[in-house]
C-alpha cells in the first residue's frame, strides 16, 4: 500500500466516524423530552388510585411511595384549595382531607 492509499483509508475512517457522531446527535434531537408531571396530576392520580378521601399526609406519603415524588405539605393544600374554590377536581371532606370531585354522568359521555 502506498502513501496515497493510506491517506484515502484514513480520510474514509474520519468521514465514517464523523457520520456516526452526526447520527447520534440527530437521534438525540428526535428523542422527545419526558413530560413533567405536575403536582396536581400526581395528587389526582393518588386520590384516584385510593378511591376514597385521603388526609394530606396520606397523599404525600402515597405520592412518595407510588411515584417517587416529594410533595410539600403547604403546596399540596394550597393547590387543592385553589381547585376547590374554582369548583374543579377536588372536594374537602374533612380537616385537611380531600377527595376527587364526582363527575356527573352527562360530563363523562355516559347515557343516563
PDB file of N, CA and C in Angstrom:
ATOM      1  N   UNK A   1       0.838  -1.171   0.000  1.00  0.00           N
ATOM      2  CA  UNK A   1       0.000   0.000   0.000  1.00  0.00           C
ATOM      3  C   UNK A   1       0.889   1.244   0.000  1.00  0.00           C
ATOM      4  N   UNK A   2       0.601   2.131  -0.889  1.00  0.00           N
ATOM      5  CA  UNK A   2       1.411   3.332  -0.924  1.00  0.00           C
ATOM      6  C   UNK A   2       0.793   4.411  -0.037  1.00  0.00           C
ATOM      7  N   UNK A   3       1.449   5.542   0.029  1.00  0.00           N
ATOM      8  CA  UNK A   3       1.012   6.622   0.915  1.00  0.00           C
ATOM      9  C   UNK A   3      -0.363   7.157   0.546  1.00  0.00           C
ATOM     10  N   UNK A   4      -0.651   7.233  -0.727  1.00  0.00           N
ATOM     11  CA  UNK A   4      -1.945   7.758  -1.157  1.00  0.00           C
ATOM     12  C   UNK A   4      -3.079   6.844  -0.700  1.00  0.00           C
ATOM     13  N   UNK A   5      -2.882   5.534  -0.814  1.00  0.00           N
ATOM     14  CA  UNK A   5      -3.894   4.576  -0.347  1.00  0.00           C
ATOM     15  C   UNK A   5      -4.096   4.708   1.171  1.00  0.00           C
ATOM     16  N   UNK A   6      -3.015   4.883   1.901  1.00  0.00           N
ATOM     17  CA  UNK A   6      -3.116   5.082   3.360  1.00  0.00           C
ATOM     18  C   UNK A   6      -3.881   6.364   3.686  1.00  0.00           C
ATOM     19  N   UNK A   7      -3.611   7.405   2.912  1.00  0.00           N
ATOM     20  CA  UNK A   7      -4.304   8.679   3.108  1.00  0.00           C
ATOM     21  C   UNK A   7      -5.804   8.515   2.853  1.00  0.00           C
ATOM     22  N   UNK A   8      -6.167   7.833   1.784  1.00  0.00           N
ATOM     23  CA  UNK A   8      -7.578   7.597   1.464  1.00  0.00           C
ATOM     24  C   UNK A   8      -8.269   6.770   2.553  1.00  0.00           C
ATOM     25  N   UNK A   9      -7.574   5.756   3.035  1.00  0.00           N
ATOM     26  CA  UNK A   9      -8.136   4.924   4.098  1.00  0.00           C
ATOM     27  C   UNK A   9      -8.371   5.772   5.349  1.00  0.00           C
ATOM     28  N   UNK A  10      -7.417   6.606   5.684  1.00  0.00           N
ATOM     29  CA  UNK A  10      -7.536   7.492   6.846  1.00  0.00           C
ATOM     30  C   UNK A  10      -8.720   8.444   6.680  1.00  0.00           C
ATOM     31  N   UNK A  11      -8.855   9.066   5.520  1.00  0.00           N
ATOM     32  CA  UNK A  11      -9.946  10.008   5.261  1.00  0.00           C
ATOM     33  C   UNK A  11     -11.302   9.302   5.333  1.00  0.00           C
ATOM     34  N   UNK A  12     -11.367   8.081   4.853  1.00  0.00           N
ATOM     35  CA  UNK A  12     -12.605   7.305   4.898  1.00  0.00           C
ATOM     36  C   UNK A  12     -12.996   7.029   6.355  1.00  0.00           C
ATOM     37  N   UNK A  13     -12.033   6.632   7.188  1.00  0.00           N
ATOM     38  CA  UNK A  13     -12.308   6.352   8.592  1.00  0.00           C
ATOM     39  C   UNK A  13     -12.769   7.613   9.329  1.00  0.00           C
ATOM     40  N   UNK A  14     -12.139   8.752   9.024  1.00  0.00           N
ATOM     41  CA  UNK A  14     -12.545  10.022   9.637  1.00  0.00           C
ATOM     42  C   UNK A  14     -13.970  10.373   9.214  1.00  0.00           C
ATOM     43  N   UNK A  15     -14.281  10.200   7.950  1.00  0.00           N
ATOM     44  CA  UNK A  15     -15.619  10.514   7.450  1.00  0.00           C
ATOM     45  C   UNK A  15     -16.667   9.601   8.088  1.00  0.00           C
ATOM     46  N   UNK A  16     -16.385   8.313   8.222  1.00  0.00           N
ATOM     47  CA  UNK A  16     -17.326   7.386   8.850  1.00  0.00           C
ATOM     48  C   UNK A  16     -17.548   7.735  10.320  1.00  0.00           C
ATOM     49  N   UNK A  17     -16.475   8.079  11.009  1.00  0.00           N
ATOM     50  CA  UNK A  17     -16.601   8.464  12.420  1.00  0.00           C
ATOM     51  C   UNK A  17     -17.433   9.738  12.551  1.00  0.00           C
ATOM     52  N   UNK A  18     -17.201  10.678  11.659  1.00  0.00           N
ATOM     53  CA  UNK A  18     -17.965  11.928  11.666  1.00  0.00           C
ATOM     54  C   UNK A  18     -19.444  11.651  11.428  1.00  0.00           C
ATOM     55  N   UNK A  19     -19.775  10.779  10.489  1.00  0.00           N
ATOM     56  CA  UNK A  19     -21.168  10.430  10.212  1.00  0.00           C
ATOM     57  C   UNK A  19     -21.828   9.747  11.417  1.00  0.00           C
ATOM     58  N   UNK A  20     -21.098   8.910  12.120  1.00  0.00           N
ATOM     59  CA  UNK A  20     -21.636   8.265  13.325  1.00  0.00           C
ATOM     60  C   UNK A  20     -21.985   9.309  14.388  1.00  0.00           C
ATOM     61  N   UNK A  21     -21.117  10.290  14.560  1.00  0.00           N
ATOM     62  CA  UNK A  21     -21.371  11.356  15.537  1.00  0.00           C
ATOM     63  C   UNK A  21     -22.595  12.162  15.130  1.00  0.00           C
ATOM     64  N   UNK A  22     -22.700  12.485  13.853  1.00  0.00           N
ATOM     65  CA  UNK A  22     -23.860  13.232  13.360  1.00  0.00           C
ATOM     66  C   UNK A  22     -25.136  12.426  13.601  1.00  0.00           C
ATOM     67  N   UNK A  23     -25.102  11.133  13.304  1.00  0.00           N
ATOM     68  CA  UNK A  23     -26.278  10.276  13.529  1.00  0.00           C
ATOM     69  C   UNK A  23     -26.688  10.278  14.996  1.00  0.00           C
ATOM     70  N   UNK A  24     -25.726  10.195  15.899  1.00  0.00           N
ATOM     71  CA  UNK A  24     -26.039  10.207  17.343  1.00  0.00           C
ATOM     72  C   UNK A  24     -26.708  11.510  17.753  1.00  0.00           C
ATOM     73  N   UNK A  25     -26.205  12.632  17.270  1.00  0.00           N
ATOM     74  CA  UNK A  25     -26.797  13.927  17.601  1.00  0.00           C
ATOM     75  C   UNK A  25     -28.209  14.051  17.027  1.00  0.00           C
ATOM     76  N   UNK A  26     -28.410  13.536  15.828  1.00  0.00           N
ATOM     77  CA  UNK A  26     -29.744  13.585  15.243  1.00  0.00           C
ATOM     78  C   UNK A  26     -30.719  12.715  16.025  1.00  0.00           C
ATOM     79  N   UNK A  27     -30.283  11.575  16.504  1.00  0.00           N
ATOM     80  CA  UNK A  27     -31.149  10.703  17.305  1.00  0.00           C
ATOM     81  C   UNK A  27     -31.543  11.390  18.607  1.00  0.00           C
ATOM     82  N   UNK A  28     -30.616  12.061  19.252  1.00  0.00           N
ATOM     83  CA  UNK A  28     -30.921  12.781  20.494  1.00  0.00           C
ATOM     84  C   UNK A  28     -31.932  13.889  20.244  1.00  0.00           C
ATOM     85  N   UNK A  29     -31.793  14.555  19.112  1.00  0.00           N
ATOM     86  CA  UNK A  29     -32.708  15.644  18.784  1.00  0.00           C
ATOM     87  C   UNK A  29     -34.115  15.117  18.545  1.00  0.00           C
ATOM     88  N   UNK A  30     -34.239  13.889  18.047  1.00  0.00           N
ATOM     89  CA  UNK A  30     -35.546  13.297  17.781  1.00  0.00           C
ATOM     90  C   UNK A  30     -36.217  12.786  19.048  1.00  0.00           C
ATOM     91  N   UNK A  31     -35.425  12.463  20.078  1.00  0.00           N
ATOM     92  CA  UNK A  31     -35.992  11.965  21.326  1.00  0.00           C
ATOM     93  C   UNK A  31     -36.830  13.058  21.966  1.00  0.00           C
ATOM     94  N   UNK A  32     -38.041  12.709  22.351  1.00  0.00           N
ATOM     95  CA  UNK A  32     -38.915  13.682  22.987  1.00  0.00           C
ATOM     96  C   UNK A  32     -38.549  13.779  24.461  1.00  0.00           C
ATOM     97  N   UNK A  33     -38.478  14.989  24.968  1.00  0.00           N
ATOM     98  CA  UNK A  33     -38.200  15.126  26.396  1.00  0.00           C
ATOM     99  C   UNK A  33     -39.366  14.557  27.198  1.00  0.00           C
ATOM    100  N   UNK A  34     -39.048  13.988  28.357  1.00  0.00           N
ATOM    101  CA  UNK A  34     -40.084  13.427  29.208  1.00  0.00           C
ATOM    102  C   UNK A  34     -40.956  14.548  29.747  1.00  0.00           C
ATOM    103  N   UNK A  35     -42.258  14.312  29.668  1.00  0.00           N
ATOM    104  CA  UNK A  35     -43.195  15.302  30.166  1.00  0.00           C
ATOM    105  C   UNK A  35     -43.157  15.290  31.690  1.00  0.00           C
ATOM    106  N   UNK A  36     -43.041  16.455  32.234  1.00  0.00           N
ATOM    107  CA  UNK A  36     -43.025  16.584  33.681  1.00  0.00           C
ATOM    108  C   UNK A  36     -44.455  16.492  34.193  1.00  0.00           C
ATOM    109  N   UNK A  37     -44.653  15.686  35.215  1.00  0.00           N
ATOM    110  CA  UNK A  37     -45.970  15.540  35.811  1.00  0.00           C
ATOM    111  C   UNK A  37     -46.135  16.608  36.875  1.00  0.00           C
ATOM    112  N   UNK A  38     -47.242  17.354  36.794  1.00  0.00           N
ATOM    113  CA  UNK A  38     -47.473  18.409  37.769  1.00  0.00           C
ATOM    114  C   UNK A  38     -47.907  17.800  39.099  1.00  0.00           C
ATOM    115  N   UNK A  39     -47.756  18.587  40.165  1.00  0.00           N
ATOM    116  CA  UNK A  39     -48.170  18.121  41.486  1.00  0.00           C
ATOM    117  C   UNK A  39     -49.660  17.803  41.510  1.00  0.00           C
ATOM    118  N   UNK A  40     -50.464  18.623  40.843  1.00  0.00           N
ATOM    119  CA  UNK A  40     -51.913  18.389  40.806  1.00  0.00           C
ATOM    120  C   UNK A  40     -52.211  17.053  40.129  1.00  0.00           C
ATOM    121  N   UNK A  41     -51.511  16.743  39.046  1.00  0.00           N
ATOM    122  CA  UNK A  41     -51.721  15.461  38.364  1.00  0.00           C
ATOM    123  C   UNK A  41     -51.356  14.294  39.279  1.00  0.00           C
ATOM    124  N   UNK A  42     -50.281  14.431  40.034  1.00  0.00           N
ATOM    125  CA  UNK A  42     -49.878  13.383  40.969  1.00  0.00           C
ATOM    126  C   UNK A  42     -50.934  13.221  42.058  1.00  0.00           C
ATOM    127  N   UNK A  43     -51.397  14.335  42.616  1.00  0.00           N
ATOM    128  CA  UNK A  43     -52.422  14.292  43.665  1.00  0.00           C
ATOM    129  C   UNK A  43     -53.684  13.632  43.128  1.00  0.00           C
ATOM    130  N   UNK A  44     -54.077  14.008  41.920  1.00  0.00           N
ATOM    131  CA  UNK A  44     -55.268  13.429  41.307  1.00  0.00           C
ATOM    132  C   UNK A  44     -55.097  11.917  41.118  1.00  0.00           C
ATOM    133  N   UNK A  45     -53.941  11.485  40.667  1.00  0.00           N
ATOM    134  CA  UNK A  45     -53.698  10.057  40.474  1.00  0.00           C
ATOM    135  C   UNK A  45     -53.702   9.307  41.798  1.00  0.00           C
ATOM    136  N   UNK A  46     -53.097   9.896  42.828  1.00  0.00           N
ATOM    137  CA  UNK A  46     -53.079   9.260  44.156  1.00  0.00           C
ATOM    138  C   UNK A  46     -54.502   9.071  44.661  1.00  0.00           C
ATOM    139  N   UNK A  47     -55.322  10.108  44.575  1.00  0.00           N
ATOM    140  CA  UNK A  47     -56.705  10.016  45.043  1.00  0.00           C
ATOM    141  C   UNK A  47     -57.514   9.038  44.192  1.00  0.00           C
ATOM    142  N   UNK A  48     -57.253   9.008  42.915  1.00  0.00           N
ATOM    143  CA  UNK A  48     -57.955   8.091  42.028  1.00  0.00           C
ATOM    144  C   UNK A  48     -57.622   6.642  42.373  1.00  0.00           C
ATOM    145  N   UNK A  49     -56.353   6.358  42.601  1.00  0.00           N
ATOM    146  CA  UNK A  49     -55.925   5.010  42.957  1.00  0.00           C
ATOM    147  C   UNK A  49     -56.515   4.597  44.303  1.00  0.00           C
ATOM    148  N   UNK A  50     -56.517   5.539  45.258  1.00  0.00           N
ATOM    149  CA  UNK A  50     -57.034   5.236  46.597  1.00  0.00           C
ATOM    150  C   UNK A  50     -58.537   4.978  46.551  1.00  0.00           C
ATOM    151  N   UNK A  51     -59.241   5.736  45.739  1.00  0.00           N
ATOM    152  CA  UNK A  51     -60.676   5.556  45.614  1.00  0.00           C
ATOM    153  C   UNK A  51     -61.469   6.010  46.823  1.00  0.00           C
ATOM    154  N   UNK A  52     -60.862   6.813  47.662  1.00  0.00           N
ATOM    155  CA  UNK A  52     -61.516   7.315  48.873  1.00  0.00           C
ATOM    156  C   UNK A  52     -60.855   8.618  49.271  1.00  0.00           C
ATOM    157  N   UNK A  53     -61.496   9.401  50.151  1.00  0.00           N
ATOM    158  CA  UNK A  53     -60.855  10.629  50.639  1.00  0.00           C
ATOM    159  C   UNK A  53     -59.569  10.307  51.401  1.00  0.00           C
ATOM    160  N   UNK A  54     -58.582  11.179  51.258  1.00  0.00           N
ATOM    161  CA  UNK A  54     -57.306  10.991  51.954  1.00  0.00           C
ATOM    162  C   UNK A  54     -56.908  12.273  52.669  1.00  0.00           C
ATOM    163  N   UNK A  55     -56.292  12.104  53.825  1.00  0.00           N
ATOM    164  CA  UNK A  55     -55.699  13.229  54.549  1.00  0.00           C
ATOM    165  C   UNK A  55     -54.459  13.657  53.775  1.00  0.00           C
ATOM    166  N   UNK A  56     -54.107  14.926  53.876  1.00  0.00           N
ATOM    167  CA  UNK A  56     -52.965  15.451  53.135  1.00  0.00           C
ATOM    168  C   UNK A  56     -51.689  14.651  53.432  1.00  0.00           C
ATOM    169  N   UNK A  57     -51.524  14.194  54.648  1.00  0.00           N
ATOM    170  CA  UNK A  57     -50.342  13.385  54.994  1.00  0.00           C
ATOM    171  C   UNK A  57     -50.320  12.076  54.212  1.00  0.00           C
ATOM    172  N   UNK A  58     -51.497  11.467  54.043  1.00  0.00           N
ATOM    173  CA  UNK A  58     -51.580  10.227  53.265  1.00  0.00           C
ATOM    174  C   UNK A  58     -51.273  10.491  51.794  1.00  0.00           C
ATOM    175  N   UNK A  59     -51.772  11.607  51.283  1.00  0.00           N
ATOM    176  CA  UNK A  59     -51.499  11.963  49.889  1.00  0.00           C
ATOM    177  C   UNK A  59     -49.996  12.097  49.673  1.00  0.00           C
ATOM    178  N   UNK A  60     -49.335  12.787  50.577  1.00  0.00           N
ATOM    179  CA  UNK A  60     -47.886  12.995  50.464  1.00  0.00           C
ATOM    180  C   UNK A  60     -47.143  11.665  50.549  1.00  0.00           C
ATOM    181  N   UNK A  61     -47.531  10.818  51.499  1.00  0.00           N
ATOM    182  CA  UNK A  61     -46.874   9.512  51.657  1.00  0.00           C
ATOM    183  C   UNK A  61     -47.060   8.636  50.421  1.00  0.00           C
ATOM    184  N   UNK A  62     -48.285   8.597  49.892  1.00  0.00           N
ATOM    185  CA  UNK A  62     -48.546   7.771  48.709  1.00  0.00           C
ATOM    186  C   UNK A  62     -47.854   8.315  47.465  1.00  0.00           C
ATOM    187  N   UNK A  63     -47.760   9.625  47.343  1.00  0.00           N
ATOM    188  CA  UNK A  63     -47.030  10.214  46.204  1.00  0.00           C
ATOM    189  C   UNK A  63     -45.570   9.788  46.244  1.00  0.00           C
ATOM    190  N   UNK A  64     -45.026   9.736  47.446  1.00  0.00           N
ATOM    191  CA  UNK A  64     -43.628   9.324  47.619  1.00  0.00           C
ATOM    192  C   UNK A  64     -43.453   7.843  47.257  1.00  0.00           C
ATOM    193  N   UNK A  65     -44.332   6.986  47.770  1.00  0.00           N
ATOM    194  CA  UNK A  65     -44.155   5.550  47.541  1.00  0.00           C
ATOM    195  C   UNK A  65     -44.561   5.117  46.135  1.00  0.00           C
ATOM    196  N   UNK A  66     -45.609   5.718  45.583  1.00  0.00           N
ATOM    197  CA  UNK A  66     -46.098   5.289  44.270  1.00  0.00           C
ATOM    198  C   UNK A  66     -45.398   5.971  43.104  1.00  0.00           C
ATOM    199  N   UNK A  67     -45.004   7.227  43.291  1.00  0.00           N
ATOM    200  CA  UNK A  67     -44.454   7.997  42.176  1.00  0.00           C
ATOM    201  C   UNK A  67     -43.044   8.532  42.433  1.00  0.00           C
ATOM    202  N   UNK A  68     -42.486   8.246  43.608  1.00  0.00           N
ATOM    203  CA  UNK A  68     -41.150   8.731  43.978  1.00  0.00           C
ATOM    204  C   UNK A  68     -41.053  10.247  43.828  1.00  0.00           C
ATOM    205  N   UNK A  69     -42.128  10.932  44.243  1.00  0.00           N
ATOM    206  CA  UNK A  69     -42.173  12.389  44.173  1.00  0.00           C
ATOM    207  C   UNK A  69     -42.399  12.939  45.574  1.00  0.00           C
ATOM    208  N   UNK A  70     -41.575  13.893  45.967  1.00  0.00           N
ATOM    209  CA  UNK A  70     -41.717  14.522  47.274  1.00  0.00           C
ATOM    210  C   UNK A  70     -42.554  15.782  47.124  1.00  0.00           C
ATOM    211  N   UNK A  71     -43.683  15.799  47.810  1.00  0.00           N
ATOM    212  CA  UNK A  71     -44.573  16.953  47.776  1.00  0.00           C
ATOM    213  C   UNK A  71     -44.467  17.722  49.083  1.00  0.00           C
ATOM    214  N   UNK A  72     -44.534  19.015  48.993  1.00  0.00           N
ATOM    215  CA  UNK A  72     -44.526  19.871  50.176  1.00  0.00           C
ATOM    216  C   UNK A  72     -45.951  20.028  50.683  1.00  0.00           C
ATOM    217  N   UNK A  73     -46.148  19.846  51.981  1.00  0.00           N
ATOM    218  CA  UNK A  73     -47.478  19.878  52.574  1.00  0.00           C
ATOM    219  C   UNK A  73     -48.235  21.170  52.236  1.00  0.00           C
ATOM    220  N   UNK A  74     -47.605  22.311  52.444  1.00  0.00           N
ATOM    221  CA  UNK A  74     -48.276  23.587  52.185  1.00  0.00           C
ATOM    222  C   UNK A  74     -48.653  23.740  50.709  1.00  0.00           C
ATOM    223  N   UNK A  75     -47.780  23.291  49.832  1.00  0.00           N
ATOM    224  CA  UNK A  75     -48.059  23.385  48.399  1.00  0.00           C
ATOM    225  C   UNK A  75     -49.248  22.504  48.009  1.00  0.00           C
ATOM    226  N   UNK A  76     -49.306  21.309  48.590  1.00  0.00           N
ATOM    227  CA  UNK A  76     -50.401  20.383  48.294  1.00  0.00           C
ATOM    228  C   UNK A  76     -51.728  20.998  48.723  1.00  0.00           C
ATOM    229  N   UNK A  77     -51.789  21.447  49.974  1.00  0.00           N
ATOM    230  CA  UNK A  77     -53.027  22.023  50.498  1.00  0.00           C
ATOM    231  C   UNK A  77     -53.426  23.251  49.697  1.00  0.00           C
ATOM    232  N   UNK A  78     -52.478  24.129  49.408  1.00  0.00           N
ATOM    233  CA  UNK A  78     -52.760  25.342  48.650  1.00  0.00           C
ATOM    234  C   UNK A  78     -53.295  25.015  47.256  1.00  0.00           C
ATOM    235  N   UNK A  79     -52.652  24.086  46.574  1.00  0.00           N
ATOM    236  CA  UNK A  79     -53.068  23.730  45.217  1.00  0.00           C
ATOM    237  C   UNK A  79     -54.469  23.122  45.213  1.00  0.00           C
ATOM    238  N   UNK A  80     -54.733  22.238  46.167  1.00  0.00           N
ATOM    239  CA  UNK A  80     -56.057  21.608  46.228  1.00  0.00           C
ATOM    240  C   UNK A  80     -57.129  22.644  46.552  1.00  0.00           C
ATOM    241  N   UNK A  81     -56.856  23.524  47.513  1.00  0.00           N
ATOM    242  CA  UNK A  81     -57.843  24.534  47.894  1.00  0.00           C
ATOM    243  C   UNK A  81     -58.146  25.492  46.737  1.00  0.00           C
ATOM    244  N   UNK A  82     -57.141  25.809  45.937  1.00  0.00           N
ATOM    245  CA  UNK A  82     -57.377  26.657  44.759  1.00  0.00           C
ATOM    246  C   UNK A  82     -58.331  25.971  43.790  1.00  0.00           C
ATOM    247  N   UNK A  83     -58.145  24.677  43.590  1.00  0.00           N
ATOM    248  CA  UNK A  83     -59.028  23.929  42.690  1.00  0.00           C
ATOM    249  C   UNK A  83     -60.438  23.846  43.272  1.00  0.00           C
ATOM    250  N   UNK A  84     -60.541  23.658  44.588  1.00  0.00           N
ATOM    251  CA  UNK A  84     -61.854  23.593  45.238  1.00  0.00           C
ATOM    252  C   UNK A  84     -62.583  24.920  45.075  1.00  0.00           C
ATOM    253  N   UNK A  85     -61.886  26.042  45.313  1.00  0.00           N
ATOM    254  CA  UNK A  85     -62.506  27.365  45.161  1.00  0.00           C
ATOM    255  C   UNK A  85     -62.992  27.596  43.738  1.00  0.00           C
ATOM    256  N   UNK A  86     -62.277  27.045  42.774  1.00  0.00           N
ATOM    257  CA  UNK A  86     -62.664  27.184  41.367  1.00  0.00           C
ATOM    258  C   UNK A  86     -63.749  26.175  40.984  1.00  0.00           C
ATOM    259  N   UNK A  87     -64.108  25.314  41.926  1.00  0.00           N
ATOM    260  CA  UNK A  87     -65.144  24.313  41.664  1.00  0.00           C
ATOM    261  C   UNK A  87     -64.682  23.168  40.797  1.00  0.00           C
ATOM    262  N   UNK A  88     -63.385  22.919  40.809  1.00  0.00           N
ATOM    263  CA  UNK A  88     -62.816  21.897  39.933  1.00  0.00           C
ATOM    264  C   UNK A  88     -62.142  20.772  40.714  1.00  0.00           C
ATOM    265  N   UNK A  89     -62.280  19.573  40.217  1.00  0.00           N
ATOM    266  CA  UNK A  89     -61.451  18.419  40.520  1.00  0.00           C
ATOM    267  C   UNK A  89     -61.537  17.836  41.934  1.00  0.00           C
ATOM    268  N   UNK A  90     -61.529  18.664  42.994  1.00  0.00           N
ATOM    269  CA  UNK A  90     -61.452  18.141  44.361  1.00  0.00           C
ATOM    270  C   UNK A  90     -62.591  18.651  45.227  1.00  0.00           C
ATOM    271  N   UNK A  91     -62.838  17.909  46.304  1.00  0.00           N
ATOM    272  CA  UNK A  91     -63.763  18.358  47.351  1.00  0.00           C
ATOM    273  C   UNK A  91     -63.087  18.116  48.694  1.00  0.00           C
ATOM    274  N   UNK A  92     -63.450  18.961  49.659  1.00  0.00           N
ATOM    275  CA  UNK A  92     -62.917  18.809  51.010  1.00  0.00           C
ATOM    276  C   UNK A  92     -63.932  17.992  51.798  1.00  0.00           C
ATOM    277  N   UNK A  93     -63.476  16.907  52.411  1.00  0.00           N
ATOM    278  CA  UNK A  93     -64.387  16.018  53.139  1.00  0.00           C
ATOM    279  C   UNK A  93     -64.188  16.077  54.643  1.00  0.00           C
ATOM    280  N   UNK A  94     -63.139  16.773  55.076  1.00  0.00           N
ATOM    281  CA  UNK A  94     -62.836  16.911  56.491  1.00  0.00           C
ATOM    282  C   UNK A  94     -61.614  17.788  56.646  1.00  0.00           C
ATOM    283  N   UNK A  95     -61.149  17.947  57.885  1.00  0.00           N
ATOM    284  CA  UNK A  95     -59.946  18.762  58.096  1.00  0.00           C
ATOM    285  C   UNK A  95     -58.745  18.182  57.332  1.00  0.00           C
ATOM    286  N   UNK A  96     -58.241  18.954  56.372  1.00  0.00           N
ATOM    287  CA  UNK A  96     -57.102  18.539  55.542  1.00  0.00           C
ATOM    288  C   UNK A  96     -57.311  17.179  54.889  1.00  0.00           C
ATOM    289  N   UNK A  97     -58.558  16.847  54.606  1.00  0.00           N
ATOM    290  CA  UNK A  97     -58.901  15.587  53.954  1.00  0.00           C
ATOM    291  C   UNK A  97     -59.646  15.921  52.662  1.00  0.00           C
ATOM    292  N   UNK A  98     -59.214  15.293  51.580  1.00  0.00           N
ATOM    293  CA  UNK A  98     -59.729  15.653  50.264  1.00  0.00           C
ATOM    294  C   UNK A  98     -60.060  14.411  49.453  1.00  0.00           C
ATOM    295  N   UNK A  99     -60.969  14.594  48.495  1.00  0.00           N
ATOM    296  CA  UNK A  99     -61.351  13.527  47.574  1.00  0.00           C
ATOM    297  C   UNK A  99     -61.512  14.127  46.186  1.00  0.00           C
ATOM    298  N   UNK A 100     -61.576  13.251  45.204  1.00  0.00           N
ATOM    299  CA  UNK A 100     -61.861  13.711  43.852  1.00  0.00           C
ATOM    300  C   UNK A 100     -63.329  14.075  43.763  1.00  0.00           C
ATOM    301  N   UNK A 101     -63.597  15.129  43.047  1.00  0.00           N
ATOM    302  CA  UNK A 101     -64.971  15.573  42.847  1.00  0.00           C
ATOM    303  C   UNK A 101     -65.664  14.583  41.920  1.00  0.00           C
ATOM    304  N   UNK A 102     -66.867  14.184  42.279  1.00  0.00           N
ATOM    305  CA  UNK A 102     -67.629  13.271  41.434  1.00  0.00           C
ATOM    306  C   UNK A 102     -67.988  13.982  40.139  1.00  0.00           C
ATOM    307  N   UNK A 103     -67.815  13.280  39.026  1.00  0.00           N
ATOM    308  CA  UNK A 103     -68.131  13.846  37.720  1.00  0.00           C
ATOM    309  C   UNK A 103     -69.530  13.397  37.345  1.00  0.00           C
ATOM    310  N   UNK A 104     -70.445  14.334  37.097  1.00  0.00           N
ATOM    311  CA  UNK A 104     -71.797  13.949  36.691  1.00  0.00           C
ATOM    312  C   UNK A 104     -71.757  13.101  35.424  1.00  0.00           C
ATOM    313  N   UNK A 105     -72.673  12.165  35.302  1.00  0.00           N
ATOM    314  CA  UNK A 105     -72.643  11.226  34.177  1.00  0.00           C
ATOM    315  C   UNK A 105     -72.775  11.918  32.832  1.00  0.00           C
ATOM    316  N   UNK A 106     -73.446  13.076  32.748  1.00  0.00           N
ATOM    317  CA  UNK A 106     -73.562  13.770  31.465  1.00  0.00           C
ATOM    318  C   UNK A 106     -72.245  14.382  31.014  1.00  0.00           C
ATOM    319  N   UNK A 107     -71.289  14.559  31.934  1.00  0.00           N
ATOM    320  CA  UNK A 107     -69.967  15.082  31.550  1.00  0.00           C
ATOM    321  C   UNK A 107     -69.029  13.982  31.097  1.00  0.00           C
ATOM    322  N   UNK A 108     -69.329  12.748  31.433  1.00  0.00           N
ATOM    323  CA  UNK A 108     -68.466  11.642  31.053  1.00  0.00           C
ATOM    324  C   UNK A 108     -68.841  11.051  29.709  1.00  0.00           C
ATOM    325  N   UNK A 109     -69.974  11.526  29.170  1.00  0.00           N
ATOM    326  CA  UNK A 109     -70.398  10.998  27.885  1.00  0.00           C
ATOM    327  C   UNK A 109     -71.257   9.773  28.020  1.00  0.00           C
ATOM    328  N   UNK A 110     -71.549   9.365  29.271  1.00  0.00           N
ATOM    329  CA  UNK A 110     -72.366   8.188  29.507  1.00  0.00           C
ATOM    330  C   UNK A 110     -73.836   8.499  29.293  1.00  0.00           C
ATOM    331  N   UNK A 111     -74.614   7.483  29.040  1.00  0.00           N
ATOM    332  CA  UNK A 111     -76.045   7.649  28.855  1.00  0.00           C
ATOM    333  C   UNK A 111     -76.741   7.542  30.190  1.00  0.00           C
ATOM    334  N   UNK A 112     -77.703   8.434  30.447  1.00  0.00           N
ATOM    335  CA  UNK A 112     -78.430   8.401  31.711  1.00  0.00           C
ATOM    336  C   UNK A 112     -79.839   7.924  31.487  1.00  0.00           C
TER     337      UNK A 112
END
